[in-house]
Amino acid sequence: MTIPPTIIRLRFKNEHHGFGLWLPLFLVLPFVLLAAIIIAPIVLIAAVILWYTGWGRTILFTGPAIYRCFCALRGLKVDVTQGHERVYISIY
């Protein structure tokens, strides 16, 4: 089973100062679930209407595909340095 990421760690640093930020994603999850519940009837209606054109199945599988992409972000590290400035993003 694929586990979604739980924390995004951001660090910004320039020549004079820098700061870090930890964003716990489990605090955002209730809002995402609420949005998914609100959007679900619209997606189902669109899938039924577009089923005969071949887009219905694609619309139904878009949600699970987005979830799989989100879970694949776990372990991503981005480190960008230019001169004295640095941005570091890590997803756990």
PDB file of N, CA and C in Angstrom:
ATOM      1  N   MET A   1       0.842  -1.179   0.000  1.00  0.00           N
ATOM      2  CA  MET A   1       0.000   0.000   0.000  1.00  0.00           C
ATOM      3  C   MET A   1       0.890   1.246   0.000  1.00  0.00           C
ATOM      4  N   THR A   2       0.545   2.186  -0.813  1.00  0.00           N
ATOM      5  CA  THR A   2       1.300   3.425  -0.905  1.00  0.00           C
ATOM      6  C   THR A   2       0.796   4.404   0.145  1.00  0.00           C
ATOM      7  N   ILE A   3       1.734   4.977   0.868  1.00  0.00           N
ATOM      8  CA  ILE A   3       1.392   5.909   1.946  1.00  0.00           C
ATOM      9  C   ILE A   3       1.640   7.334   1.446  1.00  0.00           C
ATOM     10  N   PRO A   4       0.676   8.228   1.627  1.00  0.00           N
ATOM     11  CA  PRO A   4       0.883   9.611   1.180  1.00  0.00           C
ATOM     12  C   PRO A   4       1.885  10.338   2.077  1.00  0.00           C
ATOM     13  N   PRO A   5       2.505  11.390   1.573  1.00  0.00           N
ATOM     14  CA  PRO A   5       3.447  12.158   2.401  1.00  0.00           C
ATOM     15  C   PRO A   5       2.735  12.851   3.549  1.00  0.00           C
ATOM     16  N   THR A   6       3.471  13.101   4.628  1.00  0.00           N
ATOM     17  CA  THR A   6       2.867  13.709   5.808  1.00  0.00           C
ATOM     18  C   THR A   6       3.378  15.119   6.094  1.00  0.00           C
ATOM     19  N   ILE A   7       4.617  15.410   5.678  1.00  0.00           N
ATOM     20  CA  ILE A   7       5.216  16.706   6.013  1.00  0.00           C
ATOM     21  C   ILE A   7       5.966  17.248   4.801  1.00  0.00           C
ATOM     22  N   ILE A   8       5.842  18.551   4.586  1.00  0.00           N
ATOM     23  CA  ILE A   8       6.668  19.254   3.600  1.00  0.00           C
ATOM     24  C   ILE A   8       7.584  20.187   4.385  1.00  0.00           C
ATOM     25  N   ARG A   9       8.862  20.054   4.121  1.00  0.00           N
ATOM     26  CA  ARG A   9       9.857  20.889   4.800  1.00  0.00           C
ATOM     27  C   ARG A   9      10.417  21.882   3.791  1.00  0.00           C
ATOM     28  N   LEU A  10      10.334  23.167   4.124  1.00  0.00           N
ATOM     29  CA  LEU A  10      10.828  24.240   3.256  1.00  0.00           C
ATOM     30  C   LEU A  10      11.925  24.999   3.993  1.00  0.00           C
ATOM     31  N   ARG A  11      13.020  25.285   3.287  1.00  0.00           N
ATOM     32  CA  ARG A  11      14.070  26.125   3.860  1.00  0.00           C
ATOM     33  C   ARG A  11      14.483  27.147   2.813  1.00  0.00           C
ATOM     34  N   PHE A  12      14.492  28.405   3.215  1.00  0.00           N
ATOM     35  CA  PHE A  12      14.886  29.507   2.354  1.00  0.00           C
ATOM     36  C   PHE A  12      16.079  30.202   3.018  1.00  0.00           C
ATOM     37  N   LYS A  13      17.086  30.497   2.227  1.00  0.00           N
ATOM     38  CA  LYS A  13      18.263  31.136   2.786  1.00  0.00           C
ATOM     39  C   LYS A  13      18.842  32.077   1.748  1.00  0.00           C
ATOM     40  N   ASN A  14      19.202  33.288   2.202  1.00  0.00           N
ATOM     41  CA  ASN A  14      19.911  34.210   1.326  1.00  0.00           C
ATOM     42  C   ASN A  14      21.165  34.680   2.044  1.00  0.00           C
ATOM     43  N   GLU A  15      21.763  35.697   1.542  1.00  0.00           N
ATOM     44  CA  GLU A  15      23.046  36.160   2.058  1.00  0.00           C
ATOM     45  C   GLU A  15      22.980  36.591   3.521  1.00  0.00           C
ATOM     46  N   HIS A  16      21.878  37.208   3.941  1.00  0.00           N
ATOM     47  CA  HIS A  16      21.793  37.788   5.277  1.00  0.00           C
ATOM     48  C   HIS A  16      21.018  36.944   6.278  1.00  0.00           C
ATOM     49  N   HIS A  17      19.975  36.277   5.845  1.00  0.00           N
ATOM     50  CA  HIS A  17      19.174  35.491   6.788  1.00  0.00           C
ATOM     51  C   HIS A  17      18.480  34.343   6.047  1.00  0.00           C
ATOM     52  N   GLY A  18      17.899  33.465   6.821  1.00  0.00           N
ATOM     53  CA  GLY A  18      17.151  32.351   6.260  1.00  0.00           C
ATOM     54  C   GLY A  18      16.133  31.858   7.277  1.00  0.00           C
ATOM     55  N   PHE A  19      15.185  31.082   6.800  1.00  0.00           N
ATOM     56  CA  PHE A  19      14.208  30.508   7.716  1.00  0.00           C
ATOM     57  C   PHE A  19      13.715  29.189   7.142  1.00  0.00           C
ATOM     58  N   GLY A  20      13.222  28.358   8.039  1.00  0.00           N
ATOM     59  CA  GLY A  20      12.682  27.066   7.648  1.00  0.00           C
ATOM     60  C   GLY A  20      11.233  26.960   8.055  1.00  0.00           C
ATOM     61  N   LEU A  21      10.509  26.102   7.386  1.00  0.00           N
ATOM     62  CA  LEU A  21       9.086  25.945   7.644  1.00  0.00           C
ATOM     63  C   LEU A  21       8.714  24.481   7.470  1.00  0.00           C
ATOM     64  N   TRP A  22       7.994  23.932   8.414  1.00  0.00           N
ATOM     65  CA  TRP A  22       7.485  22.562   8.327  1.00  0.00           C
ATOM     66  C   TRP A  22       5.972  22.645   8.177  1.00  0.00           C
ATOM     67  N   LEU A  23       5.430  22.046   7.129  1.00  0.00           N
ATOM     68  CA  LEU A  23       3.993  22.055   6.887  1.00  0.00           C
ATOM     69  C   LEU A  23       3.447  20.638   7.034  1.00  0.00           C
ATOM     70  N   PRO A  24       2.694  20.366   8.099  1.00  0.00           N
ATOM     71  CA  PRO A  24       2.103  19.038   8.236  1.00  0.00           C
ATOM     72  C   PRO A  24       0.900  18.895   7.300  1.00  0.00           C
ATOM     73  N   LEU A  25       0.965  17.944   6.396  1.00  0.00           N
ATOM     74  CA  LEU A  25      -0.087  17.775   5.400  1.00  0.00           C
ATOM     75  C   LEU A  25      -1.359  17.153   5.971  1.00  0.00           C
ATOM     76  N   PHE A  26      -1.267  16.496   7.128  1.00  0.00           N
ATOM     77  CA  PHE A  26      -2.469  15.902   7.702  1.00  0.00           C
ATOM     78  C   PHE A  26      -3.456  16.972   8.157  1.00  0.00           C
ATOM     79  N   LEU A  27      -3.012  18.207   8.342  1.00  0.00           N
ATOM     80  CA  LEU A  27      -3.938  19.292   8.666  1.00  0.00           C
ATOM     81  C   LEU A  27      -4.715  19.763   7.442  1.00  0.00           C
ATOM     82  N   VAL A  28      -4.160  19.542   6.255  1.00  0.00           N
ATOM     83  CA  VAL A  28      -4.805  19.943   5.005  1.00  0.00           C
ATOM     84  C   VAL A  28      -5.778  18.867   4.517  1.00  0.00           C
ATOM     85  N   LEU A  29      -5.544  17.635   4.925  1.00  0.00           N
ATOM     86  CA  LEU A  29      -6.336  16.504   4.440  1.00  0.00           C
ATOM     87  C   LEU A  29      -7.852  16.641   4.650  1.00  0.00           C
ATOM     88  N   PRO A  30      -8.346  17.123   5.793  1.00  0.00           N
ATOM     89  CA  PRO A  30      -9.802  17.276   5.933  1.00  0.00           C
ATOM     90  C   PRO A  30     -10.413  18.220   4.896  1.00  0.00           C
ATOM     91  N   PHE A  31      -9.701  19.279   4.543  1.00  0.00           N
ATOM     92  CA  PHE A  31     -10.219  20.208   3.535  1.00  0.00           C
ATOM     93  C   PHE A  31     -10.239  19.570   2.151  1.00  0.00           C
ATOM     94  N   VAL A  32      -9.235  18.756   1.860  1.00  0.00           N
ATOM     95  CA  VAL A  32      -9.195  18.047   0.578  1.00  0.00           C
ATOM     96  C   VAL A  32     -10.338  17.032   0.498  1.00  0.00           C
ATOM     97  N   LEU A  33     -10.588  16.314   1.580  1.00  0.00           N
ATOM     98  CA  LEU A  33     -11.691  15.348   1.596  1.00  0.00           C
ATOM     99  C   LEU A  33     -13.042  16.046   1.457  1.00  0.00           C
ATOM    100  N   LEU A  34     -13.204  17.182   2.095  1.00  0.00           N
ATOM    101  CA  LEU A  34     -14.443  17.942   1.970  1.00  0.00           C
ATOM    102  C   LEU A  34     -14.655  18.403   0.529  1.00  0.00           C
ATOM    103  N   ALA A  35     -13.597  18.884  -0.104  1.00  0.00           N
ATOM    104  CA  ALA A  35     -13.687  19.306  -1.502  1.00  0.00           C
ATOM    105  C   ALA A  35     -14.021  18.116  -2.403  1.00  0.00           C
ATOM    106  N   ALA A  36     -13.437  16.948  -2.117  1.00  0.00           N
ATOM    107  CA  ALA A  36     -13.719  15.753  -2.919  1.00  0.00           C
ATOM    108  C   ALA A  36     -15.181  15.329  -2.775  1.00  0.00           C
ATOM    109  N   ILE A  37     -15.742  15.439  -1.588  1.00  0.00           N
ATOM    110  CA  ILE A  37     -17.149  15.088  -1.374  1.00  0.00           C
ATOM    111  C   ILE A  37     -18.057  16.065  -2.112  1.00  0.00           C
ATOM    112  N   ILE A  38     -17.707  17.337  -2.117  1.00  0.00           N
ATOM    113  CA  ILE A  38     -18.522  18.342  -2.809  1.00  0.00           C
ATOM    114  C   ILE A  38     -18.448  18.152  -4.322  1.00  0.00           C
ATOM    115  N   ILE A  39     -17.287  17.800  -4.844  1.00  0.00           N
ATOM    116  CA  ILE A  39     -17.089  17.670  -6.286  1.00  0.00           C
ATOM    117  C   ILE A  39     -17.584  16.329  -6.832  1.00  0.00           C
ATOM    118  N   ALA A  40     -17.717  15.311  -5.983  1.00  0.00           N
ATOM    119  CA  ALA A  40     -18.079  13.958  -6.428  1.00  0.00           C
ATOM    120  C   ALA A  40     -19.365  13.894  -7.261  1.00  0.00           C
ATOM    121  N   PRO A  41     -20.464  14.533  -6.862  1.00  0.00           N
ATOM    122  CA  PRO A  41     -21.662  14.454  -7.703  1.00  0.00           C
ATOM    123  C   PRO A  41     -21.478  15.071  -9.089  1.00  0.00           C
ATOM    124  N   ILE A  42     -20.718  16.151  -9.162  1.00  0.00           N
ATOM    125  CA  ILE A  42     -20.462  16.793 -10.452  1.00  0.00           C
ATOM    126  C   ILE A  42     -19.642  15.871 -11.347  1.00  0.00           C
ATOM    127  N   VAL A  43     -18.662  15.201 -10.773  1.00  0.00           N
ATOM    128  CA  VAL A  43     -17.825  14.271 -11.541  1.00  0.00           C
ATOM    129  C   VAL A  43     -18.658  13.097 -12.041  1.00  0.00           C
ATOM    130  N   LEU A  44     -19.523  12.574 -11.193  1.00  0.00           N
ATOM    131  CA  LEU A  44     -20.372  11.450 -11.609  1.00  0.00           C
ATOM    132  C   LEU A  44     -21.321  11.841 -12.739  1.00  0.00           C
ATOM    133  N   ILE A  45     -21.915  13.011 -12.644  1.00  0.00           N
ATOM    134  CA  ILE A  45     -22.814  13.473 -13.702  1.00  0.00           C
ATOM    135  C   ILE A  45     -22.040  13.671 -15.005  1.00  0.00           C
ATOM    136  N   ALA A  46     -20.860  14.271 -14.918  1.00  0.00           N
ATOM    137  CA  ALA A  46     -20.036  14.473 -16.115  1.00  0.00           C
ATOM    138  C   ALA A  46     -19.614  13.145 -16.723  1.00  0.00           C
ATOM    139  N   ALA A  47     -19.304  12.155 -15.875  1.00  0.00           N
ATOM    140  CA  ALA A  47     -18.897  10.839 -16.379  1.00  0.00           C
ATOM    141  C   ALA A  47     -20.050  10.149 -17.103  1.00  0.00           C
ATOM    142  N   VAL A  48     -21.253  10.263 -16.561  1.00  0.00           N
ATOM    143  CA  VAL A  48     -22.419   9.650 -17.214  1.00  0.00           C
ATOM    144  C   VAL A  48     -22.704  10.329 -18.549  1.00  0.00           C
ATOM    145  N   ILE A  49     -22.632  11.649 -18.578  1.00  0.00           N
ATOM    146  CA  ILE A  49     -22.906  12.377 -19.817  1.00  0.00           C
ATOM    147  C   ILE A  49     -21.861  12.068 -20.884  1.00  0.00           C
ATOM    148  N   LEU A  50     -20.600  11.970 -20.483  1.00  0.00           N
ATOM    149  CA  LEU A  50     -19.511  11.794 -21.446  1.00  0.00           C
ATOM    150  C   LEU A  50     -19.100  10.332 -21.649  1.00  0.00           C
ATOM    151  N   TRP A  51     -19.840   9.378 -21.071  1.00  0.00           N
ATOM    152  CA  TRP A  51     -19.458   7.972 -21.162  1.00  0.00           C
ATOM    153  C   TRP A  51     -19.401   7.479 -22.611  1.00  0.00           C
ATOM    154  N   TYR A  52     -20.345   7.887 -23.423  1.00  0.00           N
ATOM    155  CA  TYR A  52     -20.410   7.387 -24.803  1.00  0.00           C
ATOM    156  C   TYR A  52     -19.354   8.016 -25.712  1.00  0.00           C
ATOM    157  N   THR A  53     -18.767   9.121 -25.292  1.00  0.00           N
ATOM    158  CA  THR A  53     -17.702   9.725 -26.082  1.00  0.00           C
ATOM    159  C   THR A  53     -16.335   9.135 -25.736  1.00  0.00           C
ATOM    160  N   GLY A  54     -16.270   8.335 -24.663  1.00  0.00           N
ATOM    161  CA  GLY A  54     -15.020   7.731 -24.240  1.00  0.00           C
ATOM    162  C   GLY A  54     -14.316   8.472 -23.122  1.00  0.00           C
ATOM    163  N   TRP A  55     -14.818   9.634 -22.756  1.00  0.00           N
ATOM    164  CA  TRP A  55     -14.196  10.433 -21.702  1.00  0.00           C
ATOM    165  C   TRP A  55     -14.723  10.102 -20.308  1.00  0.00           C
ATOM    166  N   GLY A  56     -15.813   9.381 -20.203  1.00  0.00           N
ATOM    167  CA  GLY A  56     -16.404   9.063 -18.908  1.00  0.00           C
ATOM    168  C   GLY A  56     -15.478   8.255 -18.019  1.00  0.00           C
ATOM    169  N   ARG A  57     -14.871   7.235 -18.594  1.00  0.00           N
ATOM    170  CA  ARG A  57     -13.956   6.401 -17.812  1.00  0.00           C
ATOM    171  C   ARG A  57     -12.720   7.208 -17.371  1.00  0.00           C
ATOM    172  N   THR A  58     -12.225   8.058 -18.251  1.00  0.00           N
ATOM    173  CA  THR A  58     -11.075   8.907 -17.914  1.00  0.00           C
ATOM    174  C   THR A  58     -11.410   9.833 -16.756  1.00  0.00           C
ATOM    175  N   ILE A  59     -12.589  10.409 -16.774  1.00  0.00           N
ATOM    176  CA  ILE A  59     -13.013  11.311 -15.695  1.00  0.00           C
ATOM    177  C   ILE A  59     -13.112  10.553 -14.377  1.00  0.00           C
ATOM    178  N   LEU A  60     -13.637   9.327 -14.404  1.00  0.00           N
ATOM    179  CA  LEU A  60     -13.766   8.556 -13.169  1.00  0.00           C
ATOM    180  C   LEU A  60     -12.420   8.167 -12.579  1.00  0.00           C
ATOM    181  N   PHE A  61     -11.430   7.918 -13.421  1.00  0.00           N
ATOM    182  CA  PHE A  61     -10.122   7.494 -12.925  1.00  0.00           C
ATOM    183  C   PHE A  61      -9.155   8.648 -12.686  1.00  0.00           C
ATOM    184  N   THR A  62      -9.587   9.867 -12.854  1.00  0.00           N
ATOM    185  CA  THR A  62      -8.722  11.016 -12.607  1.00  0.00           C
ATOM    186  C   THR A  62      -8.398  11.164 -11.123  1.00  0.00           C
ATOM    187  N   GLY A  63      -9.368  10.967 -10.249  1.00  0.00           N
ATOM    188  CA  GLY A  63      -9.146  11.078  -8.801  1.00  0.00           C
ATOM    189  C   GLY A  63      -8.100  10.093  -8.290  1.00  0.00           C
ATOM    190  N   PRO A  64      -8.253   8.798  -8.588  1.00  0.00           N
ATOM    191  CA  PRO A  64      -7.215   7.850  -8.151  1.00  0.00           C
ATOM    192  C   PRO A  64      -5.842   8.135  -8.764  1.00  0.00           C
ATOM    193  N   ALA A  65      -5.805   8.628  -9.995  1.00  0.00           N
ATOM    194  CA  ALA A  65      -4.519   8.946 -10.621  1.00  0.00           C
ATOM    195  C   ALA A  65      -3.838  10.107  -9.904  1.00  0.00           C
ATOM    196  N   ILE A  66      -4.611  11.112  -9.511  1.00  0.00           N
ATOM    197  CA  ILE A  66      -4.053  12.243  -8.767  1.00  0.00           C
ATOM    198  C   ILE A  66      -3.541  11.778  -7.413  1.00  0.00           C
ATOM    199  N   TYR A  67      -4.270  10.871  -6.763  1.00  0.00           N
ATOM    200  CA  TYR A  67      -3.833  10.336  -5.472  1.00  0.00           C
ATOM    201  C   TYR A  67      -2.516   9.565  -5.612  1.00  0.00           C
ATOM    202  N   ARG A  68      -2.396   8.759  -6.652  1.00  0.00           N
ATOM    203  CA  ARG A  68      -1.153   8.010  -6.883  1.00  0.00           C
ATOM    204  C   ARG A  68       0.021   8.957  -7.137  1.00  0.00           C
ATOM    205  N   CYS A  69      -0.200  10.024  -7.888  1.00  0.00           N
ATOM    206  CA  CYS A  69       0.857  11.018  -8.124  1.00  0.00           C
ATOM    207  C   CYS A  69       1.242  11.717  -6.825  1.00  0.00           C
ATOM    208  N   PHE A  70       0.261  12.025  -5.986  1.00  0.00           N
ATOM    209  CA  PHE A  70       0.522  12.662  -4.698  1.00  0.00           C
ATOM    210  C   PHE A  70       1.344  11.737  -3.801  1.00  0.00           C
ATOM    211  N   CYS A  71       1.012  10.447  -3.779  1.00  0.00           N
ATOM    212  CA  CYS A  71       1.764   9.481  -2.974  1.00  0.00           C
ATOM    213  C   CYS A  71       3.180   9.294  -3.510  1.00  0.00           C
ATOM    214  N   ALA A  72       3.367   9.444  -4.803  1.00  0.00           N
ATOM    215  CA  ALA A  72       4.690   9.286  -5.404  1.00  0.00           C
ATOM    216  C   ALA A  72       5.621  10.445  -5.050  1.00  0.00           C
ATOM    217  N   LEU A  73       5.088  11.532  -4.518  1.00  0.00           N
ATOM    218  CA  LEU A  73       5.922  12.666  -4.117  1.00  0.00           C
ATOM    219  C   LEU A  73       6.745  12.374  -2.876  1.00  0.00           C
ATOM    220  N   ARG A  74       6.371  11.343  -2.124  1.00  0.00           N
ATOM    221  CA  ARG A  74       7.080  10.999  -0.892  1.00  0.00           C
ATOM    222  C   ARG A  74       8.549  10.712  -1.215  1.00  0.00           C
ATOM    223  N   GLY A  75       9.451  11.414  -0.529  1.00  0.00           N
ATOM    224  CA  GLY A  75      10.881  11.257  -0.745  1.00  0.00           C
ATOM    225  C   GLY A  75      11.471  12.260  -1.730  1.00  0.00           C
ATOM    226  N   LEU A  76      10.644  13.138  -2.279  1.00  0.00           N
ATOM    227  CA  LEU A  76      11.126  14.142  -3.230  1.00  0.00           C
ATOM    228  C   LEU A  76      11.958  15.204  -2.511  1.00  0.00           C
ATOM    229  N   LYS A  77      13.111  15.521  -3.081  1.00  0.00           N
ATOM    230  CA  LYS A  77      13.962  16.578  -2.532  1.00  0.00           C
ATOM    231  C   LYS A  77      14.368  17.501  -3.671  1.00  0.00           C
ATOM    232  N   VAL A  78      14.161  18.797  -3.465  1.00  0.00           N
ATOM    233  CA  VAL A  78      14.525  19.811  -4.451  1.00  0.00           C
ATOM    234  C   VAL A  78      15.463  20.789  -3.760  1.00  0.00           C
ATOM    235  N   ASP A  79      16.640  20.965  -4.312  1.00  0.00           N
ATOM    236  CA  ASP A  79      17.635  21.872  -3.748  1.00  0.00           C
ATOM    237  C   ASP A  79      18.121  22.793  -4.870  1.00  0.00           C
ATOM    238  N   VAL A  80      17.749  24.064  -4.789  1.00  0.00           N
ATOM    239  CA  VAL A  80      18.108  25.038  -5.815  1.00  0.00           C
ATOM    240  C   VAL A  80      19.012  26.086  -5.174  1.00  0.00           C
ATOM    241  N   THR A  81      20.187  26.272  -5.760  1.00  0.00           N
ATOM    242  CA  THR A  81      21.142  27.250  -5.250  1.00  0.00           C
ATOM    243  C   THR A  81      21.565  28.163  -6.389  1.00  0.00           C
ATOM    244  N   GLN A  82      21.536  29.471  -6.121  1.00  0.00           N
ATOM    245  CA  GLN A  82      21.995  30.450  -7.101  1.00  0.00           C
ATOM    246  C   GLN A  82      22.725  31.541  -6.336  1.00  0.00           C
ATOM    247  N   GLY A  83      24.007  31.599  -6.515  1.00  0.00           N
ATOM    248  CA  GLY A  83      24.805  32.590  -5.786  1.00  0.00           C
ATOM    249  C   GLY A  83      24.750  32.313  -4.299  1.00  0.00           C
ATOM    250  N   HIS A  84      24.269  33.299  -3.534  1.00  0.00           N
ATOM    251  CA  HIS A  84      24.152  33.155  -2.088  1.00  0.00           C
ATOM    252  C   HIS A  84      22.738  32.767  -1.659  1.00  0.00           C
ATOM    253  N   GLU A  85      21.841  32.559  -2.596  1.00  0.00           N
ATOM    254  CA  GLU A  85      20.458  32.215  -2.269  1.00  0.00           C
ATOM    255  C   GLU A  85      20.248  30.716  -2.430  1.00  0.00           C
ATOM    256  N   ARG A  86      19.411  30.159  -1.573  1.00  0.00           N
ATOM    257  CA  ARG A  86      19.155  28.722  -1.605  1.00  0.00           C
ATOM    258  C   ARG A  86      17.709  28.444  -1.219  1.00  0.00           C
ATOM    259  N   VAL A  87      17.087  27.523  -1.953  1.00  0.00           N
ATOM    260  CA  VAL A  87      15.742  27.051  -1.632  1.00  0.00           C
ATOM    261  C   VAL A  87      15.819  25.530  -1.578  1.00  0.00           C
ATOM    262  N   TYR A  88      15.342  24.970  -0.475  1.00  0.00           N
ATOM    263  CA  TYR A  88      15.361  23.525  -0.275  1.00  0.00           C
ATOM    264  C   TYR A  88      13.955  23.067   0.079  1.00  0.00           C
ATOM    265  N   ILE A  89      13.432  22.119  -0.680  1.00  0.00           N
ATOM    266  CA  ILE A  89      12.093  21.574  -0.438  1.00  0.00           C
ATOM    267  C   ILE A  89      12.238  20.071  -0.301  1.00  0.00           C
ATOM    268  N   SER A  90      11.691  19.528   0.777  1.00  0.00           N
ATOM    269  CA  SER A  90      11.752  18.091   1.026  1.00  0.00           C
ATOM    270  C   SER A  90      10.364  17.619   1.437  1.00  0.00           C
ATOM    271  N   ILE A  91       9.909  16.543   0.826  1.00  0.00           N
ATOM    272  CA  ILE A  91       8.581  16.002   1.122  1.00  0.00           C
ATOM    273  C   ILE A  91       8.761  14.639   1.769  1.00  0.00           C
ATOM    274  N   TYR A  92       8.261  14.469   3.000  1.00  0.00           N
ATOM    275  CA  TYR A  92       8.387  13.219   3.745  1.00  0.00           C
ATOM    276  C   TYR A  92       7.085  12.453   3.709  1.00  0.00           C
TER     277      TYR A  92
END
